[in-house]
Amino acid sequence: MREGRTFRSAVPRGWVRARRTILSADAVSFLCSAVLYLLAVGQVKGFAFTLGLSTVLDLIVVFLVTHPLVSLAAKSRVFSSPGLSGLGEAARTGAERRRVLAAAAGRSKGA
């Protein structure tokens, strides 16, 4: 939204960026849990198993619950309003950016 997009158009673009980060973080976490599970004994092995299981569950929740709910919110007029979503400042920053870019484009056409 800080780039001047509406909430509706910012969600799919933001999801692409967020997906890459989520997958990277969860891959590292799962790899760490696997190494810890192989090298540990006793209660630490249980912790490693729990960490791996929670990482897999995190992926499931993100892709099957969080992403669809945010997409639905982006399509809803009520939930996408800047006041309710808490993105009012980002929307104002984006509007200012659009205005500055439009003014700069107008000046370059006139030159």
N, C-alpha and C. Protein backbone atom coordinates (compact mmCIF):
# COMPACT_ATOMS: atom_id res chain seq x y z
N MET A 1 0.83 -1.18 0.00
CA MET A 1 0.00 0.00 0.00
C MET A 1 0.88 1.25 0.00
N ARG A 2 2.09 1.13 0.56
CA ARG A 2 3.00 2.28 0.56
C ARG A 2 3.48 2.61 -0.85
N GLU A 3 3.32 1.68 -1.77
CA GLU A 3 3.69 1.92 -3.17
C GLU A 3 2.55 2.58 -3.94
N GLY A 4 1.44 2.86 -3.25
CA GLY A 4 0.33 3.54 -3.89
C GLY A 4 -0.76 2.61 -4.39
N ARG A 5 -0.74 1.38 -3.99
CA ARG A 5 -1.77 0.42 -4.40
C ARG A 5 -2.93 0.42 -3.42
N THR A 6 -4.05 -0.07 -3.87
CA THR A 6 -5.18 -0.26 -2.97
C THR A 6 -4.94 -1.54 -2.17
N PHE A 7 -5.69 -1.70 -1.09
CA PHE A 7 -5.56 -2.92 -0.28
C PHE A 7 -5.84 -4.15 -1.12
N ARG A 8 -6.85 -4.05 -1.97
CA ARG A 8 -7.24 -5.18 -2.83
C ARG A 8 -6.11 -5.61 -3.76
N SER A 9 -5.40 -4.66 -4.36
CA SER A 9 -4.33 -5.04 -5.28
C SER A 9 -3.00 -5.30 -4.56
N ALA A 10 -2.87 -4.80 -3.32
CA ALA A 10 -1.63 -5.02 -2.57
C ALA A 10 -1.56 -6.43 -1.98
N VAL A 11 -2.68 -7.04 -1.69
CA VAL A 11 -2.69 -8.36 -1.05
C VAL A 11 -2.04 -9.43 -1.93
N PRO A 12 -2.43 -9.59 -3.19
CA PRO A 12 -1.76 -10.64 -3.99
C PRO A 12 -0.27 -10.38 -4.18
N ARG A 13 0.09 -9.14 -4.36
CA ARG A 13 1.51 -8.81 -4.53
C ARG A 13 2.29 -9.04 -3.23
N GLY A 14 1.70 -8.69 -2.11
CA GLY A 14 2.32 -8.93 -0.82
C GLY A 14 2.41 -10.40 -0.50
N TRP A 15 1.42 -11.18 -0.95
CA TRP A 15 1.42 -12.62 -0.68
C TRP A 15 2.62 -13.28 -1.36
N VAL A 16 2.96 -12.86 -2.57
CA VAL A 16 4.11 -13.44 -3.27
C VAL A 16 5.38 -13.21 -2.46
N ARG A 17 5.54 -12.01 -1.95
CA ARG A 17 6.73 -11.70 -1.13
C ARG A 17 6.69 -12.46 0.19
N ALA A 18 5.55 -12.50 0.83
CA ALA A 18 5.43 -13.16 2.13
C ALA A 18 5.60 -14.67 2.00
N ARG A 19 5.08 -15.25 0.93
CA ARG A 19 5.18 -16.70 0.73
C ARG A 19 6.63 -17.15 0.69
N ARG A 20 7.46 -16.41 -0.02
CA ARG A 20 8.88 -16.75 -0.12
C ARG A 20 9.54 -16.70 1.26
N THR A 21 9.22 -15.68 2.03
CA THR A 21 9.80 -15.54 3.37
C THR A 21 9.31 -16.64 4.30
N ILE A 22 8.02 -16.94 4.25
CA ILE A 22 7.44 -17.99 5.10
C ILE A 22 8.07 -19.34 4.78
N LEU A 23 8.18 -19.65 3.50
CA LEU A 23 8.77 -20.94 3.12
C LEU A 23 10.23 -21.04 3.53
N SER A 24 10.98 -19.97 3.38
CA SER A 24 12.40 -19.98 3.78
C SER A 24 12.53 -20.17 5.29
N ALA A 25 11.77 -19.42 6.05
CA ALA A 25 11.85 -19.52 7.51
C ALA A 25 11.43 -20.90 8.00
N ASP A 26 10.37 -21.44 7.44
CA ASP A 26 9.91 -22.75 7.87
C ASP A 26 10.86 -23.86 7.41
N ALA A 27 11.51 -23.70 6.26
CA ALA A 27 12.48 -24.70 5.82
C ALA A 27 13.67 -24.74 6.77
N VAL A 28 14.15 -23.57 7.17
CA VAL A 28 15.27 -23.51 8.12
C VAL A 28 14.86 -24.11 9.46
N SER A 29 13.69 -23.76 9.92
CA SER A 29 13.20 -24.28 11.20
C SER A 29 13.05 -25.80 11.15
N PHE A 30 12.52 -26.31 10.06
CA PHE A 30 12.34 -27.77 9.95
C PHE A 30 13.68 -28.47 9.85
N LEU A 31 14.60 -27.89 9.10
CA LEU A 31 15.94 -28.47 8.99
C LEU A 31 16.63 -28.51 10.36
N CYS A 32 16.52 -27.43 11.10
CA CYS A 32 17.09 -27.40 12.46
C CYS A 32 16.46 -28.45 13.36
N SER A 33 15.15 -28.61 13.25
CA SER A 33 14.49 -29.60 14.09
C SER A 33 14.92 -31.01 13.71
N ALA A 34 15.13 -31.26 12.43
CA ALA A 34 15.58 -32.59 11.99
C ALA A 34 16.99 -32.89 12.49
N VAL A 35 17.89 -31.92 12.36
CA VAL A 35 19.26 -32.11 12.84
C VAL A 35 19.27 -32.30 14.35
N LEU A 36 18.51 -31.48 15.05
CA LEU A 36 18.44 -31.59 16.51
C LEU A 36 17.87 -32.95 16.91
N TYR A 37 16.87 -33.41 16.21
CA TYR A 37 16.27 -34.71 16.52
C TYR A 37 17.28 -35.84 16.33
N LEU A 38 18.09 -35.75 15.28
CA LEU A 38 19.08 -36.80 15.01
C LEU A 38 20.23 -36.79 16.01
N LEU A 39 20.59 -35.62 16.51
CA LEU A 39 21.75 -35.51 17.38
C LEU A 39 21.42 -35.54 18.87
N ALA A 40 20.16 -35.34 19.23
CA ALA A 40 19.79 -35.18 20.63
C ALA A 40 19.33 -36.49 21.25
N VAL A 41 19.18 -36.43 22.57
CA VAL A 41 18.64 -37.56 23.33
C VAL A 41 17.63 -37.03 24.33
N GLY A 42 16.76 -37.90 24.79
CA GLY A 42 15.83 -37.56 25.86
C GLY A 42 14.83 -36.48 25.52
N GLN A 43 14.69 -35.54 26.44
CA GLN A 43 13.69 -34.49 26.30
C GLN A 43 13.99 -33.54 25.15
N VAL A 44 15.25 -33.38 24.82
CA VAL A 44 15.60 -32.50 23.71
C VAL A 44 15.09 -33.09 22.40
N LYS A 45 15.10 -34.41 22.30
CA LYS A 45 14.56 -35.08 21.12
C LYS A 45 13.05 -34.81 21.01
N GLY A 46 12.37 -34.80 22.14
CA GLY A 46 10.95 -34.47 22.15
C GLY A 46 10.70 -33.03 21.71
N PHE A 47 11.56 -32.12 22.16
CA PHE A 47 11.45 -30.73 21.74
C PHE A 47 11.65 -30.61 20.23
N ALA A 48 12.65 -31.32 19.71
CA ALA A 48 12.93 -31.27 18.27
C ALA A 48 11.73 -31.80 17.47
N PHE A 49 11.12 -32.86 17.94
CA PHE A 49 9.94 -33.41 17.27
C PHE A 49 8.80 -32.40 17.29
N THR A 50 8.58 -31.78 18.44
CA THR A 50 7.51 -30.78 18.57
C THR A 50 7.77 -29.58 17.67
N LEU A 51 9.02 -29.14 17.59
CA LEU A 51 9.38 -28.03 16.71
C LEU A 51 9.10 -28.38 15.25
N GLY A 52 9.48 -29.58 14.83
CA GLY A 52 9.22 -30.00 13.45
C GLY A 52 7.72 -30.10 13.16
N LEU A 53 6.98 -30.66 14.10
CA LEU A 53 5.54 -30.79 13.93
C LEU A 53 4.86 -29.42 13.87
N SER A 54 5.27 -28.51 14.73
CA SER A 54 4.67 -27.17 14.72
C SER A 54 5.04 -26.41 13.45
N THR A 55 6.19 -26.68 12.89
CA THR A 55 6.58 -26.04 11.63
C THR A 55 5.70 -26.52 10.49
N VAL A 56 5.44 -27.80 10.44
CA VAL A 56 4.55 -28.34 9.40
C VAL A 56 3.14 -27.80 9.58
N LEU A 57 2.67 -27.74 10.82
CA LEU A 57 1.34 -27.19 11.08
C LEU A 57 1.26 -25.71 10.71
N ASP A 58 2.36 -24.98 10.93
CA ASP A 58 2.40 -23.58 10.55
C ASP A 58 2.20 -23.42 9.05
N LEU A 59 2.86 -24.25 8.26
CA LEU A 59 2.69 -24.19 6.81
C LEU A 59 1.25 -24.48 6.40
N ILE A 60 0.66 -25.48 7.04
CA ILE A 60 -0.72 -25.83 6.72
C ILE A 60 -1.66 -24.68 7.05
N VAL A 61 -1.50 -24.08 8.22
CA VAL A 61 -2.36 -22.98 8.62
C VAL A 61 -2.18 -21.77 7.71
N VAL A 62 -0.94 -21.45 7.38
CA VAL A 62 -0.69 -20.29 6.53
C VAL A 62 -1.34 -20.44 5.16
N PHE A 63 -1.17 -21.61 4.54
CA PHE A 63 -1.67 -21.79 3.19
C PHE A 63 -3.16 -22.11 3.12
N LEU A 64 -3.70 -22.78 4.13
CA LEU A 64 -5.11 -23.18 4.08
C LEU A 64 -6.05 -22.28 4.86
N VAL A 65 -5.52 -21.45 5.76
CA VAL A 65 -6.39 -20.60 6.57
C VAL A 65 -6.05 -19.12 6.38
N THR A 66 -4.83 -18.74 6.69
CA THR A 66 -4.46 -17.32 6.69
C THR A 66 -4.57 -16.69 5.32
N HIS A 67 -3.98 -17.32 4.31
CA HIS A 67 -4.02 -16.73 2.97
C HIS A 67 -5.45 -16.58 2.44
N PRO A 68 -6.28 -17.61 2.52
CA PRO A 68 -7.67 -17.42 2.05
C PRO A 68 -8.43 -16.34 2.83
N LEU A 69 -8.21 -16.25 4.15
CA LEU A 69 -8.93 -15.24 4.93
C LEU A 69 -8.47 -13.83 4.56
N VAL A 70 -7.19 -13.63 4.35
CA VAL A 70 -6.71 -12.30 3.96
C VAL A 70 -7.21 -11.96 2.57
N SER A 71 -7.25 -12.94 1.67
CA SER A 71 -7.78 -12.69 0.33
C SER A 71 -9.25 -12.29 0.39
N LEU A 72 -10.02 -12.98 1.23
CA LEU A 72 -11.44 -12.61 1.40
C LEU A 72 -11.58 -11.22 2.01
N ALA A 73 -10.73 -10.90 2.96
CA ALA A 73 -10.78 -9.56 3.58
C ALA A 73 -10.46 -8.48 2.55
N ALA A 74 -9.54 -8.77 1.64
CA ALA A 74 -9.16 -7.79 0.62
C ALA A 74 -10.32 -7.52 -0.33
N LYS A 75 -11.15 -8.51 -0.56
CA LYS A 75 -12.28 -8.35 -1.48
C LYS A 75 -13.48 -7.70 -0.81
N SER A 76 -13.49 -7.65 0.51
CA SER A 76 -14.60 -7.09 1.26
C SER A 76 -14.41 -5.58 1.44
N ARG A 77 -15.45 -4.83 1.21
CA ARG A 77 -15.38 -3.37 1.40
C ARG A 77 -15.20 -3.01 2.87
N VAL A 78 -15.84 -3.76 3.73
CA VAL A 78 -15.78 -3.45 5.16
C VAL A 78 -14.38 -3.68 5.71
N PHE A 79 -13.82 -4.86 5.47
CA PHE A 79 -12.52 -5.19 6.04
C PHE A 79 -11.36 -4.50 5.36
N SER A 80 -11.55 -4.05 4.13
CA SER A 80 -10.44 -3.39 3.43
C SER A 80 -10.41 -1.89 3.67
N SER A 81 -11.33 -1.37 4.46
CA SER A 81 -11.30 0.07 4.75
C SER A 81 -10.08 0.37 5.62
N PRO A 82 -9.36 1.45 5.31
CA PRO A 82 -8.14 1.77 6.05
C PRO A 82 -8.35 1.95 7.54
N GLY A 83 -9.49 2.45 7.95
CA GLY A 83 -9.75 2.65 9.36
C GLY A 83 -9.87 1.34 10.12
N LEU A 84 -10.53 0.36 9.54
CA LEU A 84 -10.74 -0.91 10.21
C LEU A 84 -9.51 -1.81 10.12
N SER A 85 -8.80 -1.76 9.00
CA SER A 85 -7.64 -2.63 8.84
C SER A 85 -6.40 -2.11 9.54
N GLY A 86 -6.41 -0.83 9.93
CA GLY A 86 -5.24 -0.26 10.58
C GLY A 86 -4.17 0.19 9.59
N LEU A 87 -4.53 0.24 8.32
CA LEU A 87 -3.57 0.60 7.28
C LEU A 87 -3.79 2.02 6.76
N GLY A 88 -4.42 2.85 7.57
CA GLY A 88 -4.71 4.22 7.15
C GLY A 88 -3.45 5.01 6.82
N GLU A 89 -2.43 4.90 7.66
CA GLU A 89 -1.18 5.63 7.43
C GLU A 89 -0.49 5.14 6.16
N ALA A 90 -0.51 3.83 5.92
CA ALA A 90 0.09 3.30 4.70
C ALA A 90 -0.67 3.78 3.47
N ALA A 91 -1.99 3.87 3.58
CA ALA A 91 -2.79 4.37 2.45
C ALA A 91 -2.48 5.84 2.18
N ARG A 92 -2.33 6.64 3.24
CA ARG A 92 -1.99 8.06 3.05
C ARG A 92 -0.60 8.21 2.44
N THR A 93 0.35 7.39 2.88
CA THR A 93 1.70 7.43 2.31
C THR A 93 1.66 7.06 0.84
N GLY A 94 0.88 6.05 0.49
CA GLY A 94 0.75 5.64 -0.91
C GLY A 94 0.10 6.70 -1.76
N ALA A 95 -0.92 7.38 -1.22
CA ALA A 95 -1.58 8.45 -1.97
C ALA A 95 -0.61 9.61 -2.20
N GLU A 96 0.17 9.93 -1.20
CA GLU A 96 1.17 11.00 -1.34
C GLU A 96 2.22 10.62 -2.39
N ARG A 97 2.62 9.38 -2.35
CA ARG A 97 3.61 8.91 -3.34
C ARG A 97 3.06 8.99 -4.76
N ARG A 98 1.80 8.57 -4.93
CA ARG A 98 1.16 8.66 -6.26
C ARG A 98 1.10 10.11 -6.73
N ARG A 99 0.76 11.01 -5.80
CA ARG A 99 0.66 12.43 -6.15
C ARG A 99 2.01 12.98 -6.58
N VAL A 100 3.07 12.65 -5.87
CA VAL A 100 4.41 13.13 -6.19
C VAL A 100 4.86 12.56 -7.54
N LEU A 101 4.62 11.29 -7.77
CA LEU A 101 5.01 10.68 -9.04
C LEU A 101 4.24 11.26 -10.21
N ALA A 102 2.94 11.55 -9.99
CA ALA A 102 2.14 12.15 -11.05
C ALA A 102 2.62 13.56 -11.36
N ALA A 103 3.00 14.30 -10.33
CA ALA A 103 3.51 15.66 -10.56
C ALA A 103 4.85 15.62 -11.30
N ALA A 104 5.70 14.66 -10.94
CA ALA A 104 7.00 14.52 -11.61
C ALA A 104 6.81 14.11 -13.06
N ALA A 105 5.84 13.25 -13.33
CA ALA A 105 5.57 12.81 -14.70
C ALA A 105 5.02 13.98 -15.52
N GLY A 106 4.20 14.81 -14.89
CA GLY A 106 3.66 15.99 -15.57
C GLY A 106 4.74 16.99 -15.92
N ARG A 107 5.72 17.16 -15.03
CA ARG A 107 6.82 18.07 -15.32
C ARG A 107 7.73 17.54 -16.42
N SER A 108 7.93 16.22 -16.46
CA SER A 108 8.81 15.67 -17.49
C SER A 108 8.15 15.73 -18.87
N LYS A 109 6.83 15.66 -18.94
CA LYS A 109 6.13 15.79 -20.22
C LYS A 109 6.21 17.22 -20.75
N GLY A 110 6.20 18.16 -19.83
CA GLY A 110 6.24 19.56 -20.21
C GLY A 110 7.63 20.00 -20.66
N ALA A 111 8.67 19.26 -20.33
CA ALA A 111 10.05 19.66 -20.68
C ALA A 111 10.42 19.27 -22.07
